[in-house]
Amino acid sequence: MTSSTVESAPGATVPSTDAAVLVHRPGRWIDFAVLYIGTFGSFIGFASVFPKLIADQFPAYSTFQVASACLSLAFIGALVGSLARPAGGRLADRLASVTVAAFGVMVVGTLAVVAVLPLGNFLAFLGSCLLIFVATGIGNGSTYRMIPSVFSARSGVKDAHQNSAKPWS
C-alpha cells in the first residue's frame, strides 16, 4: 500500500483519501457491522442452541440410529443456513430490501419456535428452526453482497461486482 492508492485487486485502485473517507464515515460501516452481527451472530447463536433445545425439549429426536452409527440432527440447521447463503447474495442483486426481510423472517421464526415449544410438536419446531437458519443464511449472504456496491458507489467505481469477478493474474 502506498500513500496515494489502496490496492485491493490487481488493476483496481482507489485513491487513499477516498478510502479514508469511506472508513471514517461511521454511518455506513456501523450499519454494516450491525447487519453482519445481526445475521452471522444470529446464525452462530441459533446453531449453538439448536442441539441443546432438541436434547432438552425433544429427547426422543436428539439422536437416531443409522446402521451402527448414532447420528444427531444438530448439524442440519448450520447446513441449511450455509446452503442458503449464496441465495442471499443473488437475491441482494435483485431486491434492495432482502436483508431487512431476512431480519423480519428471523423474528417470525423465533416467535414460531417460542409458540411451538409448549405444544411439543417436533416437526413444527424443526420447521421453525430451519426457517430461522434459512433467513440468517440469506441475510448474511445479502450483507456480504451489498458491501462492494456501497463502497463502489461512494468511491466512484462504476461496477465493483464486475471488477471483483475478474480472475486474479
Protein backbone atom coordinates (compact mmCIF):
# COMPACT_ATOMS: atom_id res chain seq x y z
CA MET A 1 0.00 0.00 0.00
CA THR A 2 1.33 3.40 -0.92
CA SER A 3 0.34 6.80 0.33
CA SER A 4 -1.56 7.60 -2.86
CA THR A 5 -3.56 4.42 -3.50
CA VAL A 6 -5.12 1.47 -1.74
CA GLU A 7 -4.69 -1.67 -3.83
CA SER A 8 -7.49 -4.19 -3.32
CA ALA A 9 -7.08 -6.18 -6.53
CA PRO A 10 -4.73 -6.07 -9.49
CA GLY A 11 -5.70 -3.15 -11.70
CA ALA A 12 -8.29 -1.81 -9.25
CA THR A 13 -7.16 1.14 -7.16
CA VAL A 14 -8.97 3.73 -5.12
CA PRO A 15 -7.26 6.93 -4.02
CA SER A 16 -6.41 6.55 -0.34
CA THR A 17 -8.17 9.79 0.54
CA ASP A 18 -11.45 8.33 -0.78
CA ALA A 19 -10.85 5.08 1.10
CA ALA A 20 -10.18 7.01 4.30
CA VAL A 21 -13.42 8.94 3.88
CA LEU A 22 -15.32 5.66 3.44
CA VAL A 23 -13.88 4.18 6.60
CA HIS A 24 -14.22 7.32 8.68
CA ARG A 25 -17.91 7.84 7.89
CA PRO A 26 -19.32 6.00 10.87
CA GLY A 27 -22.85 5.69 9.49
CA ARG A 28 -22.01 3.24 6.74
CA TRP A 29 -19.57 0.89 8.44
CA ILE A 30 -21.60 0.86 11.64
CA ASP A 31 -24.66 -0.10 9.57
CA PHE A 32 -22.74 -2.99 8.04
CA ALA A 33 -21.40 -4.08 11.41
CA VAL A 34 -24.94 -4.22 12.79
CA LEU A 35 -26.18 -6.13 9.73
CA TYR A 36 -23.30 -8.58 9.92
CA ILE A 37 -23.62 -9.15 13.66
CA GLY A 38 -27.39 -9.49 13.31
CA THR A 39 -27.17 -12.10 10.56
CA PHE A 40 -23.98 -14.03 11.27
CA GLY A 41 -24.28 -13.62 15.04
CA SER A 42 -27.81 -14.97 14.89
CA PHE A 43 -26.61 -17.87 12.77
CA ILE A 44 -23.89 -18.74 15.31
CA GLY A 45 -26.24 -18.29 18.27
CA PHE A 46 -29.03 -20.39 16.83
CA ALA A 47 -26.57 -23.06 15.65
CA SER A 48 -25.15 -23.39 19.15
CA VAL A 49 -28.54 -23.51 20.90
CA PHE A 50 -30.34 -25.73 18.37
CA PRO A 51 -28.83 -29.07 19.52
CA LYS A 52 -29.44 -28.18 23.18
CA LEU A 53 -33.08 -27.35 22.50
CA ILE A 54 -33.55 -30.65 20.69
CA ALA A 55 -31.90 -32.60 23.52
CA ASP A 56 -33.88 -30.81 26.26
CA GLN A 57 -37.29 -30.42 24.63
CA PHE A 58 -37.38 -33.43 22.29
CA PRO A 59 -35.02 -36.06 23.72
CA ALA A 60 -36.51 -38.80 21.53
CA TYR A 61 -35.27 -36.90 18.46
CA SER A 62 -31.84 -35.86 19.76
CA THR A 63 -30.13 -38.87 18.16
CA PHE A 64 -31.15 -41.53 15.69
CA GLN A 65 -29.61 -44.78 14.58
CA VAL A 66 -28.27 -45.29 11.05
CA ALA A 67 -26.74 -48.74 10.71
CA SER A 68 -24.25 -48.91 13.57
CA ALA A 69 -23.80 -45.14 13.88
CA CYS A 70 -25.70 -42.85 16.19
CA LEU A 71 -26.36 -39.52 14.45
CA SER A 72 -27.74 -36.18 15.60
CA LEU A 73 -29.85 -33.52 13.89
CA ALA A 74 -27.63 -30.83 15.38
CA PHE A 75 -25.81 -30.20 12.09
CA ILE A 76 -28.89 -29.68 9.94
CA GLY A 77 -29.51 -26.06 10.97
CA ALA A 78 -25.97 -24.96 10.17
CA LEU A 79 -26.07 -26.91 6.92
CA VAL A 80 -29.32 -25.28 5.77
CA GLY A 81 -28.10 -21.80 6.74
CA SER A 82 -24.82 -22.29 4.90
CA LEU A 83 -26.58 -23.54 1.78
CA ALA A 84 -28.95 -20.53 1.85
CA ARG A 85 -26.12 -18.01 2.00
CA PRO A 86 -25.37 -17.87 -1.77
CA ALA A 87 -29.08 -17.31 -2.42
CA GLY A 88 -28.88 -14.21 -0.23
CA GLY A 89 -26.20 -12.74 -2.45
CA ARG A 90 -28.21 -13.45 -5.58
CA LEU A 91 -31.37 -12.01 -4.05
CA ALA A 92 -29.50 -8.88 -2.95
CA ASP A 93 -28.68 -8.21 -6.61
CA ARG A 94 -32.39 -8.20 -7.46
CA LEU A 95 -34.14 -6.92 -4.34
CA ALA A 96 -32.99 -3.91 -2.35
CA SER A 97 -34.52 -4.85 0.99
CA VAL A 98 -33.66 -8.55 1.21
CA THR A 99 -31.59 -8.10 4.40
CA VAL A 100 -34.41 -6.29 6.18
CA ALA A 101 -36.81 -9.01 5.04
CA ALA A 102 -34.40 -11.65 6.38
CA PHE A 103 -34.45 -9.95 9.79
CA GLY A 104 -38.25 -9.98 9.67
CA VAL A 105 -38.30 -13.69 8.85
CA MET A 106 -35.85 -14.35 11.71
CA VAL A 107 -38.25 -12.63 14.11
CA VAL A 108 -41.21 -14.61 12.77
CA GLY A 109 -39.25 -17.86 13.02
CA THR A 110 -38.17 -17.10 16.58
CA LEU A 111 -41.75 -16.31 17.61
CA ALA A 112 -42.87 -19.54 15.96
CA VAL A 113 -40.27 -21.54 17.94
CA VAL A 114 -41.46 -19.92 21.17
CA ALA A 115 -45.08 -20.70 20.28
CA VAL A 116 -44.38 -24.29 19.21
CA LEU A 117 -42.18 -25.41 22.13
CA PRO A 118 -45.05 -25.72 24.65
CA LEU A 119 -47.04 -27.78 22.12
CA GLY A 120 -44.33 -30.44 21.91
CA ASN A 121 -44.65 -30.74 18.12
CA PHE A 122 -41.18 -31.67 16.86
CA LEU A 123 -41.88 -31.19 13.15
CA ALA A 124 -43.27 -27.68 13.72
CA PHE A 125 -40.26 -26.91 15.92
CA LEU A 126 -37.84 -28.23 13.29
CA GLY A 127 -39.59 -26.27 10.53
CA SER A 128 -39.50 -23.05 12.56
CA CYS A 129 -35.80 -23.50 13.34
CA LEU A 130 -34.96 -24.26 9.72
CA LEU A 131 -36.84 -21.10 8.71
CA ILE A 132 -34.58 -19.14 11.07
CA PHE A 133 -31.47 -20.77 9.61
CA VAL A 134 -32.54 -20.04 6.04
CA ALA A 135 -33.23 -16.40 6.97
CA THR A 136 -29.84 -15.98 8.68
CA GLY A 137 -28.06 -17.51 5.68
CA ILE A 138 -29.90 -15.27 3.22
CA GLY A 139 -29.32 -12.21 5.40
CA ASN A 140 -25.62 -12.95 5.72
CA GLY A 141 -25.18 -13.55 2.00
CA SER A 142 -27.04 -10.35 1.12
CA THR A 143 -24.99 -8.32 3.60
CA TYR A 144 -21.76 -9.54 2.01
CA ARG A 145 -23.09 -8.83 -1.45
CA MET A 146 -24.08 -5.24 -0.56
CA ILE A 147 -20.65 -4.19 0.69
CA PRO A 148 -18.93 -3.82 -2.72
CA SER A 149 -21.95 -1.97 -4.13
CA VAL A 150 -21.98 0.62 -1.37
CA PHE A 151 -18.24 1.16 -1.38
CA SER A 152 -18.11 1.42 -5.18
CA ALA A 153 -20.93 3.97 -5.20
CA ARG A 154 -19.10 6.04 -2.59
CA SER A 155 -15.72 5.78 -4.29
CA GLY A 156 -16.89 6.38 -7.86
CA VAL A 157 -16.05 2.91 -9.18
CA LYS A 158 -18.52 2.03 -11.91
CA ASP A 159 -19.22 -1.65 -11.07
CA ALA A 160 -17.50 -3.28 -8.10
CA HIS A 161 -19.08 -6.68 -8.80
CA GLN A 162 -17.71 -6.74 -12.32
CA ASN A 163 -14.25 -5.74 -11.08
CA SER A 164 -14.31 -8.37 -8.34
CA ALA A 165 -15.34 -11.08 -10.79
CA LYS A 166 -12.13 -10.71 -12.81
CA PRO A 167 -9.72 -13.60 -12.30
CA TRP A 168 -6.56 -12.91 -10.34
CA SER A 169 -3.48 -12.82 -12.51
